[in-house]
Protein backbone atom coordinates (compact mmCIF):
# COMPACT_ATOMS: atom_id res chain seq x y z
CA MET A 1 53.39 70.72 104.26
CA VAL A 2 56.38 69.56 106.29
CA ILE A 3 56.01 69.91 110.06
CA ALA A 4 59.24 69.48 111.98
CA GLU A 5 59.01 68.58 115.66
CA LYS A 6 61.64 67.04 117.84
CA ASN A 7 61.75 66.55 121.58
CA ASN A 8 58.17 67.87 121.72
CA CYS A 9 59.39 71.32 120.69
CA SER A 10 57.11 72.79 118.06
CA VAL A 11 58.99 74.80 115.46
CA HIS A 12 56.10 77.21 115.29
CA SER A 13 55.98 78.20 118.91
CA PRO A 14 56.78 81.90 119.15
CA ALA A 15 57.84 81.39 122.72
CA ALA A 16 60.69 79.09 121.72
CA SER A 17 63.85 80.85 120.61
CA LEU A 18 64.93 80.30 117.05
CA GLU A 19 68.32 79.03 118.21
CA ASP A 20 66.70 76.43 120.48
CA VAL A 21 64.52 75.20 117.63
CA ASP A 22 67.39 74.92 115.15
CA SER A 23 69.63 73.20 117.71
CA VAL A 24 67.47 70.04 117.64
CA LEU A 25 67.36 69.81 113.84
CA ARG A 26 70.00 68.15 111.67
CA ILE A 27 71.81 70.30 109.14
CA PRO A 28 72.25 68.52 105.76
CA THR A 29 75.71 67.28 104.79
CA LYS A 30 77.40 68.27 101.53
CA GLU A 31 76.38 64.96 99.99
CA GLU A 32 72.77 65.38 101.12
CA LEU A 33 72.69 68.90 99.66
CA THR A 34 73.28 67.44 96.22
CA LYS A 35 71.16 64.28 96.47
CA LEU A 36 68.09 64.98 98.65
CA ARG A 37 64.92 66.52 97.32
CA ARG A 38 64.13 70.04 98.56
CA VAL A 39 60.68 70.91 99.92
CA VAL A 40 58.96 73.98 101.30
CA GLY A 41 58.60 74.11 105.08
CA SER A 42 55.46 74.59 107.13
CA ILE A 43 54.21 78.15 107.43
CA PRO A 44 53.12 79.38 110.89
CA PRO A 45 49.40 80.32 110.93
CA LEU A 46 50.35 83.70 112.39
CA CYS A 47 51.87 84.59 109.02
CA PHE A 48 48.51 84.45 107.29
CA LEU A 49 47.08 86.99 109.72
CA ILE A 50 50.00 89.32 108.99
CA CYS A 51 49.15 88.93 105.31
CA LEU A 52 45.58 89.91 106.21
CA VAL A 53 46.97 93.14 107.68
CA GLU A 54 48.81 93.82 104.44
CA LEU A 55 45.68 92.99 102.45
CA ALA A 56 43.63 95.53 104.39
CA GLU A 57 46.34 98.22 104.26
CA ARG A 58 46.90 97.86 100.53
CA GLY A 59 43.19 97.54 99.86
CA SER A 60 42.48 100.83 101.60
CA TYR A 61 45.49 102.53 99.99
CA TYR A 62 44.65 101.50 96.43
CA SER A 63 40.96 102.22 96.94
CA VAL A 64 42.00 105.83 97.57
CA THR A 65 44.60 106.16 94.84
CA VAL A 66 42.42 104.63 92.13
CA ILE A 67 39.76 107.33 92.52
CA LEU A 68 42.10 110.20 93.34
CA THR A 69 42.82 111.03 89.69
CA ASN A 70 39.14 111.49 88.82
CA PHE A 71 38.52 113.30 92.09
CA ILE A 72 41.20 115.90 91.35
CA GLN A 73 41.22 116.04 87.54
CA ARG A 74 37.60 116.17 86.49
CA PRO A 75 34.90 118.68 87.49
CA LEU A 76 31.62 117.79 89.16
CA PRO A 77 29.30 116.32 86.53
CA GLU A 78 26.46 118.66 85.66
CA GLY A 79 23.76 118.56 88.33
CA SER A 80 25.81 116.33 90.68
CA THR A 81 26.77 117.24 94.26
CA THR A 82 28.62 114.00 95.08
CA GLY A 83 30.83 113.63 92.00
CA ALA A 84 28.84 110.75 90.51
CA PRO A 85 27.32 111.26 87.02
CA LEU A 86 23.53 111.50 87.12
CA SER A 87 23.26 108.85 84.40
CA SER A 88 24.85 105.52 85.32
CA THR A 89 25.08 104.47 81.66
CA SER A 90 26.72 107.59 80.23
CA ASN A 91 30.34 107.84 79.08
CA GLU A 92 30.87 110.74 81.49
CA SER A 93 33.46 110.08 84.20
CA PRO A 94 33.09 110.99 87.90
CA GLY A 95 34.78 114.18 89.08
CA ALA A 96 34.96 116.72 91.87
CA LEU A 97 37.70 119.35 91.95
CA GLY A 98 38.18 119.92 88.19
CA LEU A 99 41.87 120.85 88.42
CA GLY A 100 42.94 119.08 85.20
CA LEU A 101 45.21 116.18 84.22
CA GLN A 102 48.51 117.90 85.02
CA THR A 103 47.46 118.88 88.55
CA ALA A 104 45.96 115.44 89.14
CA SER A 105 49.16 113.79 87.91
CA ALA A 106 51.29 116.11 90.06
CA LEU A 107 49.34 115.36 93.26
CA THR A 108 49.09 111.61 92.67
CA LEU A 109 52.80 111.54 91.90
CA LEU A 110 53.43 113.51 95.10
CA LEU A 111 51.62 110.77 97.01
CA THR A 112 53.62 108.06 95.26
CA PHE A 113 56.90 109.90 95.80
CA LEU A 114 56.31 110.53 99.50
CA ALA A 115 54.90 107.04 100.07
CA TYR A 116 58.20 105.57 98.89
CA VAL A 117 60.59 108.16 100.37
CA VAL A 118 59.18 108.06 103.91
CA PRO A 119 59.98 104.30 104.15
CA LEU A 120 63.66 105.23 104.23
CA TYR A 121 63.01 106.89 107.57
CA GLY A 122 60.39 104.33 108.65
CA GLY A 123 62.77 101.44 107.96
CA TYR A 124 65.73 103.18 109.59
CA ILE A 125 63.87 104.19 112.76
CA ALA A 126 62.46 100.66 113.11
CA ASP A 127 65.86 98.98 112.69
CA SER A 128 67.76 101.36 114.94
CA LYS A 129 65.39 102.90 117.50
CA ILE A 130 61.89 101.57 118.08
CA GLY A 131 61.55 98.19 116.36
CA LYS A 132 59.27 97.06 113.55
CA PHE A 133 56.16 96.60 115.68
CA LYS A 134 56.08 100.14 117.09
CA ALA A 135 56.89 101.59 113.67
CA ILE A 136 53.93 99.77 112.17
CA TRP A 137 51.68 101.23 114.87
CA ILE A 138 52.83 104.77 113.99
CA GLY A 139 51.91 104.02 110.38
CA ILE A 140 48.50 102.69 111.37
CA GLY A 141 47.70 105.91 113.26
CA ALA A 142 48.78 108.19 110.41
CA GLY A 143 46.94 106.09 107.85
CA PHE A 144 43.67 106.24 109.77
CA VAL A 145 43.89 110.04 109.99
CA SER A 146 44.43 110.23 106.22
CA HIS A 147 41.33 108.17 105.43
CA VAL A 148 39.22 110.39 107.68
CA LEU A 149 40.57 113.48 105.88
CA PHE A 150 39.73 112.09 102.43
CA THR A 151 36.21 111.25 103.58
CA ILE A 152 35.76 114.82 104.89
CA ALA A 153 37.01 116.23 101.57
CA ALA A 154 34.34 114.26 99.68
CA ILE A 155 31.35 115.41 101.75
CA PRO A 156 28.98 117.21 99.34
CA SER A 157 28.86 120.38 101.46
CA VAL A 158 32.67 120.56 101.50
CA LEU A 159 32.81 120.06 97.72
CA SER A 160 30.21 122.71 97.04
CA GLY A 161 31.98 125.15 99.38
CA GLY A 162 35.25 124.81 97.46
CA LYS A 163 37.17 123.69 100.56
CA ALA A 164 38.00 120.13 99.58
CA ILE A 165 41.55 120.77 98.36
CA VAL A 166 42.98 121.36 101.87
CA PRO A 167 41.88 118.05 103.45
CA THR A 168 42.83 116.33 100.17
CA ILE A 169 46.44 117.52 100.36
CA LEU A 170 46.64 116.77 104.09
CA GLY A 171 45.21 113.34 103.37
CA ILE A 172 47.91 112.73 100.75
CA ILE A 173 50.67 113.67 103.21
CA THR A 174 49.37 111.59 106.12
CA LEU A 175 48.64 108.60 103.86
CA ALA A 176 52.26 108.73 102.68
CA ILE A 177 53.48 108.81 106.29
CA GLY A 178 51.32 105.82 107.18
CA THR A 179 52.56 103.87 104.18
CA GLY A 180 56.15 104.85 104.92
CA PHE A 181 56.10 103.30 108.39
CA ILE A 182 54.15 100.16 107.46
CA LYS A 183 55.59 99.09 104.10
CA PRO A 184 59.28 98.63 104.97
CA ASN A 185 58.53 96.75 108.20
CA LEU A 186 55.57 94.45 107.62
CA LEU A 187 57.23 91.96 105.24
CA PRO A 188 60.37 91.68 107.42
CA LEU A 189 58.07 91.18 110.43
CA LEU A 190 56.29 88.43 108.50
CA LEU A 191 59.48 86.64 107.49
CA ASP A 192 60.85 86.95 111.02
CA GLN A 193 58.06 84.61 112.12
CA TYR A 194 59.60 81.66 110.25
CA PRO A 195 61.53 79.88 113.01
CA HIS A 196 64.47 78.34 111.11
CA GLN A 197 67.69 80.11 110.20
CA SER A 198 69.03 77.35 107.94
CA ASP A 199 68.01 74.30 105.93
CA PHE A 200 67.47 71.05 107.81
CA VAL A 201 66.81 67.38 107.07
CA GLN A 202 63.35 65.98 107.74
CA VAL A 203 62.04 62.43 107.40
CA LEU A 204 58.62 62.27 105.76
CA PRO A 205 55.97 59.72 106.86
CA THR A 206 56.91 57.73 103.74
CA GLY A 207 60.45 57.33 105.07
CA GLU A 208 61.96 59.67 102.48
CA GLU A 209 64.55 62.10 103.73
CA VAL A 210 64.15 65.62 102.33
CA ILE A 211 65.75 69.00 102.86
CA VAL A 212 63.36 71.61 104.23
CA ASP A 213 64.54 74.59 102.21
CA ARG A 214 64.55 77.86 104.16
CA GLU A 215 64.89 80.06 101.10
CA ALA A 216 62.12 78.26 99.22
CA THR A 217 59.90 78.70 102.27
CA LEU A 218 60.67 82.41 102.51
CA SER A 219 60.05 82.67 98.78
CA ARG A 220 56.62 81.10 99.22
CA LEU A 221 55.86 83.45 102.12
CA THR A 222 56.88 86.39 99.94
CA LEU A 223 54.63 85.20 97.12
CA ILE A 224 51.71 84.83 99.54
CA PHE A 225 52.41 88.32 100.88
CA TYR A 226 52.51 89.76 97.36
CA TRP A 227 49.32 87.85 96.55
CA ALA A 228 47.67 89.43 99.62
CA ILE A 229 48.77 92.87 98.38
CA ASN A 230 46.94 92.31 95.14
CA VAL A 231 43.85 90.76 96.67
CA GLY A 232 43.66 93.96 98.71
CA ALA A 233 44.25 96.08 95.64
CA PHE A 234 41.33 94.35 93.93
CA PHE A 235 39.00 96.01 96.46
CA GLN A 236 39.56 99.24 94.55
CA LEU A 237 36.88 97.86 92.22
CA GLY A 238 34.31 98.68 94.90
CA ALA A 239 35.66 102.21 95.23
CA SER A 240 35.47 102.73 91.46
CA TYR A 241 31.82 101.74 91.36
CA ALA A 242 31.02 103.70 94.53
CA GLU A 243 32.38 106.95 93.02
CA ARG A 244 30.33 106.43 89.87
CA ARG A 245 27.07 105.12 91.31
CA ILE A 246 26.85 106.94 94.67
CA GLY A 247 29.60 109.52 95.01
CA PHE A 248 33.09 110.13 96.34
CA TRP A 249 32.00 110.31 99.98
CA LEU A 250 31.16 106.57 99.91
CA ALA A 251 34.20 105.75 97.79
CA PHE A 252 36.49 107.25 100.45
CA PHE A 253 34.48 106.00 103.44
CA PHE A 254 34.68 102.38 102.23
CA PRO A 255 38.52 102.10 102.61
CA THR A 256 38.28 103.81 106.01
CA ILE A 257 36.16 100.93 107.31
CA MET A 258 38.47 98.39 105.68
CA TYR A 259 41.47 100.00 107.36
CA LEU A 260 40.09 99.16 110.81
CA ILE A 261 41.22 95.56 110.25
CA LEU A 262 44.80 96.69 110.92
CA PRO A 263 44.50 97.76 114.57
CA ILE A 264 42.16 94.88 115.38
CA VAL A 265 44.59 92.21 114.13
CA MET A 266 47.70 93.90 115.51
CA ILE A 267 46.18 94.22 118.98
CA GLY A 268 45.02 90.62 118.94
CA LEU A 269 48.43 89.26 117.91
CA ASN A 270 50.59 91.58 119.98
CA LYS A 271 51.87 88.93 122.40
CA LYS A 272 52.35 86.25 119.72
CA PHE A 273 54.77 88.05 117.41
CA VAL A 274 58.45 87.23 117.23
CA LYS A 275 59.90 90.74 117.50
CA SER A 276 63.47 91.60 116.58
CA LYS A 277 65.18 94.21 118.72
CA PRO A 278 66.47 97.49 117.26
CA GLU A 279 70.24 97.55 116.81
CA GLY A 280 71.22 101.16 117.51
CA SER A 281 73.09 103.58 115.25
CA ILE A 282 72.91 101.64 112.00
CA LEU A 283 73.42 104.50 109.53
CA THR A 284 76.22 105.99 111.63
CA ASN A 285 78.18 102.75 111.58
CA CYS A 286 77.45 102.22 107.88
CA TRP A 287 78.78 105.65 107.01
CA ARG A 288 81.91 105.21 109.10
CA ILE A 289 82.63 101.79 107.59
CA ILE A 290 82.23 103.11 104.05
CA LYS A 291 84.42 106.13 104.83
CA VAL A 292 87.21 103.92 106.19
CA THR A 293 86.84 101.54 103.25
CA LEU A 294 87.33 104.36 100.76
CA GLY A 295 90.36 105.69 102.61
CA GLY A 296 93.96 104.82 101.89
CA TYR A 297 95.29 103.46 98.61
CA LEU A 298 91.99 102.40 97.01
CA SER A 299 93.33 101.00 93.73
CA GLY A 300 95.87 98.89 95.58
CA LYS A 301 93.19 97.47 97.87
CA ALA A 302 91.03 96.72 94.83
CA ARG A 303 93.82 94.77 93.13
CA LYS A 304 94.28 92.68 96.26
CA ASN A 305 90.52 92.34 96.78
CA GLU A 306 90.91 93.86 100.24
CA ILE A 307 88.64 96.91 99.99
CA TRP A 308 86.23 95.80 102.71
CA ASP A 309 88.87 94.07 104.83
CA TYR A 310 90.51 97.46 105.27
CA ALA A 311 87.60 98.64 107.46
CA LYS A 312 87.53 95.60 109.75
CA PRO A 313 88.52 96.57 113.30
CA SER A 314 90.89 93.61 113.58
CA ASN A 315 92.85 94.88 110.58
CA MET A 316 92.63 98.51 111.71
CA ILE A 317 94.13 97.64 115.08
CA SER A 318 96.86 95.50 113.49
CA ARG A 319 98.03 98.48 111.41
CA GLY A 320 97.98 100.77 114.46
CA GLN A 321 94.62 102.50 113.93
CA GLY A 322 92.81 101.91 117.21
CA HIS A 323 90.21 104.66 116.76
CA TYR A 324 87.87 105.82 114.01
CA THR A 325 89.11 109.36 114.56
CA LYS A 326 91.36 110.82 117.23
CA ASN A 327 88.54 111.17 119.76
CA THR A 328 86.05 108.63 118.37
CA PRO A 329 86.39 104.91 119.16
CA ILE A 330 85.62 102.14 116.67
CA THR A 331 81.94 101.33 117.16
CA TRP A 332 81.60 98.35 114.82
CA THR A 333 82.87 94.78 114.51
CA ASP A 334 84.31 92.70 111.68
CA GLN A 335 80.86 91.21 111.19
CA TRP A 336 79.43 94.69 110.76
CA VAL A 337 81.76 95.22 107.80
CA ASN A 338 80.59 91.95 106.26
CA ASP A 339 76.97 93.03 106.80
CA VAL A 340 77.47 96.40 105.11
CA LYS A 341 79.16 94.72 102.14
CA GLN A 342 76.29 92.24 101.94
CA THR A 343 73.74 95.05 102.08
CA ILE A 344 75.37 97.01 99.27
CA ASP A 345 75.59 93.86 97.15
CA ALA A 346 71.88 93.24 97.76
CA CYS A 347 70.97 96.78 96.71
CA LYS A 348 72.88 96.82 93.42
CA ILE A 349 70.07 95.14 91.55
CA PHE A 350 67.64 97.90 92.58
CA ILE A 351 69.19 100.51 90.26
CA TYR A 352 67.14 99.26 87.31
CA PHE A 353 63.82 99.11 89.13
CA PRO A 354 62.69 102.74 88.65
CA ILE A 355 62.27 102.03 84.93
CA PHE A 356 60.41 98.81 85.69
CA VAL A 357 58.04 100.58 88.11
CA ILE A 358 57.21 103.17 85.44
CA ASN A 359 56.44 100.41 82.95
CA ASP A 360 54.28 98.60 85.48
CA GLY A 361 51.43 101.11 85.43
CA GLY A 362 52.64 103.85 83.10
CA ILE A 363 53.62 107.42 83.85
CA ALA A 364 51.35 109.00 86.46
CA SER A 365 47.66 108.79 85.44
CA ILE A 366 48.24 108.38 81.72
CA GLU A 367 46.66 104.93 81.43
CA THR A 368 43.52 105.92 83.36
CA SER A 369 43.27 109.07 81.23
CA GLN A 370 43.64 106.99 78.06
CA ALA A 371 40.72 104.80 79.11
CA GLY A 372 38.65 107.95 79.68
CA SER A 373 39.18 108.87 76.01
CA MET A 374 37.67 105.56 74.87
CA THR A 375 34.12 104.22 74.86
CA THR A 376 33.38 102.95 78.37
CA GLU A 377 29.63 102.29 78.02
CA GLY A 378 28.99 103.31 81.62
CA ILE A 379 31.97 101.47 83.10
CA PRO A 380 34.23 103.64 85.32
CA ASN A 381 37.38 104.53 83.41
CA ASP A 382 39.48 103.69 86.48
CA LEU A 383 37.94 100.22 86.81
CA PHE A 384 40.46 98.71 84.42
CA ASN A 385 43.26 99.19 86.98
CA ASN A 386 41.73 96.24 88.80
CA PHE A 387 43.00 93.86 86.15
CA ASN A 388 46.50 94.44 87.48
CA PRO A 389 45.81 92.86 90.90
CA LEU A 390 43.37 90.37 89.36
CA THR A 391 46.11 89.11 87.06
CA ILE A 392 48.53 88.73 89.95
CA ILE A 393 45.87 86.93 92.02
CA VAL A 394 45.66 84.36 89.21
CA VAL A 395 49.33 84.23 88.17
CA LEU A 396 51.00 83.94 91.60
CA PRO A 397 49.31 80.67 92.65
CA ILE A 398 50.24 79.21 89.27
CA LEU A 399 53.87 80.19 89.82
CA ASN A 400 53.82 79.22 93.50
CA TYR A 401 52.16 75.82 93.32
CA ILE A 402 52.76 74.65 89.75
CA VAL A 403 55.63 76.32 87.89
CA TYR A 404 58.26 76.71 90.62
CA PRO A 405 57.66 73.27 92.24
CA LEU A 406 57.95 71.63 88.80
CA LEU A 407 61.21 73.45 88.16
CA ARG A 408 62.56 72.31 91.55
CA LYS A 409 61.38 68.77 90.94
CA TYR A 410 63.20 68.48 87.62
CA ARG A 411 66.17 70.54 88.86
CA ILE A 412 65.66 73.21 86.21
CA SER A 413 67.35 76.45 87.21
CA PHE A 414 65.32 79.64 86.88
CA PRO A 415 67.46 82.01 88.96
CA PRO A 416 66.39 85.47 90.12
CA VAL A 417 68.32 87.33 87.42
CA TYR A 418 66.35 85.53 84.72
CA ARG A 419 63.04 85.97 86.55
CA ILE A 420 63.62 89.71 86.94
CA THR A 421 64.81 90.12 83.33
CA LEU A 422 61.72 88.36 81.98
CA GLY A 423 59.55 90.53 84.22
CA PHE A 424 61.21 93.67 82.82
CA VAL A 425 60.55 92.57 79.23
CA ILE A 426 56.89 91.74 79.85
CA ALA A 427 56.28 95.06 81.66
CA ALA A 428 57.93 97.01 78.82
CA SER A 429 55.60 95.26 76.38
CA SER A 430 52.65 96.83 78.19
CA GLN A 431 53.86 100.31 77.32
CA LEU A 432 54.43 99.30 73.72
CA ALA A 433 50.77 98.27 73.62
CA GLY A 434 49.83 101.61 75.23
CA ALA A 435 51.62 103.54 72.47
CA ILE A 436 49.72 101.59 69.82
CA PHE A 437 46.37 102.17 71.56
CA GLN A 438 47.03 105.91 71.96
CA HIS A 439 47.80 106.20 68.26
CA GLN A 440 44.52 104.43 67.50
CA VAL A 441 42.64 106.78 69.86
CA TYR A 442 44.06 109.81 68.06
CA SER A 443 43.11 108.26 64.72
CA THR A 444 39.49 107.64 65.70
CA SER A 445 38.61 110.42 68.17
CA PRO A 446 36.16 113.11 66.92
CA CYS A 447 38.73 115.65 68.17
CA GLY A 448 41.70 113.91 66.55
CA VAL A 449 44.93 114.35 68.49
CA TYR A 450 43.13 116.34 71.22
CA ALA A 451 41.18 113.34 72.50
CA THR A 452 41.92 113.80 76.23
CA THR A 453 39.89 117.02 76.60
CA CYS A 454 37.28 116.15 73.97
CA ASP A 455 33.61 116.08 75.00
CA GLN A 456 33.18 112.99 72.80
CA VAL A 457 35.13 109.76 73.02
CA SER A 458 36.82 107.44 70.55
CA PRO A 459 34.64 104.52 69.39
CA ILE A 460 37.42 102.15 70.48
CA SER A 461 36.36 100.04 73.45
CA ALA A 462 38.11 100.92 76.69
CA TRP A 463 38.36 97.20 77.42
CA ARG A 464 41.56 97.24 75.36
CA GLU A 465 43.20 98.83 78.38
CA VAL A 466 43.02 95.44 80.09
CA THR A 467 45.98 94.33 77.97
CA LEU A 468 48.24 96.95 79.56
CA TYR A 469 47.38 95.89 83.09
CA ILE A 470 47.70 92.16 82.42
CA LEU A 471 51.16 92.58 80.91
CA GLY A 472 52.37 94.94 83.66
CA ALA A 473 51.07 92.68 86.42
CA SER A 474 52.61 89.55 84.89
CA GLY A 475 55.96 91.32 84.84
CA GLY A 476 55.51 92.34 88.47
CA ALA A 477 54.69 88.77 89.52
CA LEU A 478 58.16 87.79 88.34
CA ALA A 479 60.30 90.86 89.03
CA MET A 480 58.86 92.41 92.21
CA THR A 481 58.36 89.19 94.18
CA THR A 482 61.93 88.21 93.42
CA ALA A 483 63.19 91.64 94.50
CA TYR A 484 61.20 91.42 97.76
CA GLU A 485 62.72 88.03 98.47
CA ILE A 486 66.28 89.15 97.75
CA SER A 487 65.90 92.32 99.81
CA TYR A 488 65.16 90.18 102.87
CA THR A 489 67.35 87.13 102.37
CA ARG A 490 70.49 89.00 101.28
CA SER A 491 70.36 91.70 103.95
CA PRO A 492 71.72 91.29 107.49
CA PRO A 493 69.22 91.11 110.37
CA GLN A 494 69.77 94.66 111.61
CA MET A 495 69.26 96.20 108.15
CA LYS A 496 66.28 94.35 106.71
CA GLY A 497 63.86 97.25 107.12
CA LEU A 498 66.35 99.67 105.61
CA VAL A 499 67.06 97.46 102.59
CA MET A 500 63.34 96.94 102.04
CA ALA A 501 62.94 100.72 102.19
CA LEU A 502 65.67 101.14 99.56
CA LEU A 503 63.74 98.80 97.26
CA LEU A 504 60.58 100.83 97.85
CA PHE A 505 62.60 104.00 97.21
CA THR A 506 62.93 102.94 93.58
CA SER A 507 59.22 103.74 93.28
CA ALA A 508 59.93 107.22 94.60
CA ILE A 509 62.59 107.68 91.93
CA SER A 510 60.12 106.57 89.26
CA ALA A 511 57.57 109.01 90.66
CA ALA A 512 60.16 111.81 90.49
CA ILE A 513 60.88 110.93 86.87
CA SER A 514 57.17 110.91 86.12
CA GLN A 515 56.77 114.24 87.91
CA ALA A 516 59.51 115.74 85.74
CA VAL A 517 57.76 114.74 82.52
CA THR A 518 54.23 115.59 83.70
CA PRO A 519 54.17 118.87 81.67
CA ALA A 520 54.55 116.75 78.53
CA LEU A 521 51.50 114.63 79.35
CA LYS A 522 49.13 116.48 77.08
CA ASP A 523 47.68 116.24 73.63
CA PRO A 524 48.88 115.80 70.93
CA TYR A 525 52.01 114.10 72.33
CA LEU A 526 50.65 111.21 74.42
CA VAL A 527 51.98 108.49 72.10
CA TRP A 528 55.56 109.39 72.97
CA PRO A 529 55.46 108.84 76.76
CA PHE A 530 54.25 105.28 76.15
CA ALA A 531 56.86 104.66 73.46
CA ALA A 532 59.70 106.13 75.52
CA CYS A 533 58.81 103.95 78.52
CA ALA A 534 58.75 100.83 76.33
CA ILE A 535 62.15 101.58 74.83
CA ALA A 536 63.67 102.34 78.24
CA GLY A 537 62.17 99.12 79.60
CA PHE A 538 63.60 96.87 76.90
CA VAL A 539 67.01 98.54 77.14
CA SER A 540 67.10 98.27 80.96
CA ALA A 541 66.14 94.58 80.75
CA GLY A 542 69.13 93.92 78.48
CA LEU A 543 71.50 95.94 80.64
CA PHE A 544 70.25 94.26 83.83
CA TRP A 545 70.82 90.79 82.42
CA PHE A 546 74.26 91.71 81.06
CA GLN A 547 75.44 93.18 84.37
CA PHE A 548 74.08 90.48 86.67
CA ARG A 549 74.07 87.39 84.42
CA ASN A 550 76.80 85.75 86.55
CA LEU A 551 75.34 86.78 89.90
CA ASP A 552 74.29 83.25 90.83
CA ARG A 553 77.77 81.81 90.23
CA GLN A 554 79.32 84.71 92.13
CA THR A 555 76.92 84.11 95.02
CA GLU A 556 77.73 80.42 95.05
CA SER A 557 81.44 81.14 95.34
CA GLY A 558 80.59 83.56 98.16
CA GLY A 559 78.92 80.85 100.17
CA VAL A 560 75.31 82.09 100.09
CA VAL A 561 74.04 80.24 97.06
CA GLU A 562 70.86 79.20 98.84
CA VAL A 563 69.57 82.78 98.68
CA LEU A 564 69.43 82.78 94.91
CA SER A 565 68.75 79.13 94.15
C-alpha cells in the first residue's frame, strides 16, 4: 500500500479537508502520466467498517429473500407447525403459506421492484435535502421493522391461525423502503472517504516515483464493497438450513440479529465520517436545464455541437435571456450544465442492464423452482443460490489482486466496455444452461412436462444448478462492479446518489419485466423463459459493445480518460 504524508498531514485524517490534503501533493506532469507506473493508493480503515455495514445489510436482506419463495409458494409439510419437513433427509421442501409459484413469484418480484424503485427517492432526498448519512439511518429503521414483521409472520401460532400473509406483505414493503434508502447512499458514502480528488506522484521507499491512481483506488474500493455484498449474501446459507432443520421462525430471526450490526457501527463511526452536504433542488435544476437545452432550433445546435452550451447561463444572458421564465430566475450555473451532461452520459450504459440483471439469477423464482424439481437428497432447494455469492467471493480477489494488477503492469487495456460486454455474455450463458437443464428435467420427471407440481422429482441431481449460479456470478463480477465504479466516478458530486439509484433502477425494470411474464412461468413451458433470456442476453451484449465500443476514445478526447482507464 502507498501511504502519502507530507508536512505531517495524514491523507486519511477525516478532520483534514480534501482540498488541504491535495494541496500538498504533486500532480503528475504530462510526461509522467505516460512514463510512471500507476499504483493503488492506501485505503482508509474506516472504509472497511462501512463495508461491514453493507455486509450485514445484504446478509440480512438475502437471508430473507432466499427463503421467501418457499415460505410463500409451498404449503406446510404434513405434520409440521414451523414449515420445516419432519424428515431432514427427504426430498420435500420447506413451506408455509402454500400460495403457489405464481403468487410467490409475484410477491418476490414486488419486493425486488420496490427495493430498486425506492432508491430513486432515497438517492434524490439524500443528495438534495438530508444528506447520505441521515438517509441511511431512515433505511436502517425501516429495515429493522421489516425483519421484526417477518419473524412475527413465521411464529407457529401465526402460521396455524392463517394470519401470516399480512405481516409478510408489510415486511416486504418496509424491507424495500429500508433498502431504498441504504443502497443508493452507502457506496457513495464509502467512496467519499477517499481523501484525494486527483492522481498524485509519490516516491516509494525504493526511490521509485509512481502515480497513485485515484480511479484504480476507487475501483479497488468498489470491488471490496461488492465482495462484502456477496460475503453477506453467503449468510443466506444459514437461513436455508434453518428453515429446513428448525423452521421459518429461526430463519427469519437470524437476519434480524445480523441486522443489528448496522446501527452499532453507524453510531460508533458517526463523528469520523466525511459527510457531503446536500445540494438543494437537484431534480428541479436538471429538468430546467434539459428543457432549455431542447428549446430553440435543435437540429442546428446539434450540427454545431452546441446543444448543451445553449442552456449555460452565460450564453443565455448573452442572447438576452436573463430568466428561465418571465417570473423565474436562472437557478443554475454553467458548471451545472456540464454536470447534467456528464450525468446523462454516465447513465447511457445502464439501458442494457435490465436484461443482464434478468440473466444474473433468472426470471423471478424459476431457478429455485427448477432445483425443487430435481433430486436434492435432503439439501434445501434454495441452498444453491449461495453459489452465486460464493463464486464472487472467490473471483473478485483474483480479479482485484492478480488479473487487474497484471494488466496494469504490462499496460494491457481491458476497458469497462469490454469488461461489461464479457460479463453480459457469461451471464447469458447461465440461462442457456438453464434451458438445457429444464429440458432434461421434463425428459426424466415421473410427471413429464408437469415436473414443477409433481409429488416425485426428477432423478437428475439438483447440484447441476450450481452451474447457473457460477456463470451468473462471474458475469456480475465483471459487469456490475464496473457499472458501480462508473456510476460514481462519472457523476458529479451533487448527483452521485441519484446516479447510483438510476443504476439500481435497472433491477426494478427487470423485476417489472419478470412480473409481466410471471403468468407464463408454469408447466409445460418452462424451457422457453430460460431460452428467451439467453437469446436476449447475447443480443444485448452485442448491441452494447457496438454502441459503446468507442467510449474510451471519446472519453479521452473529453478529458476524463482516467475514469475509464
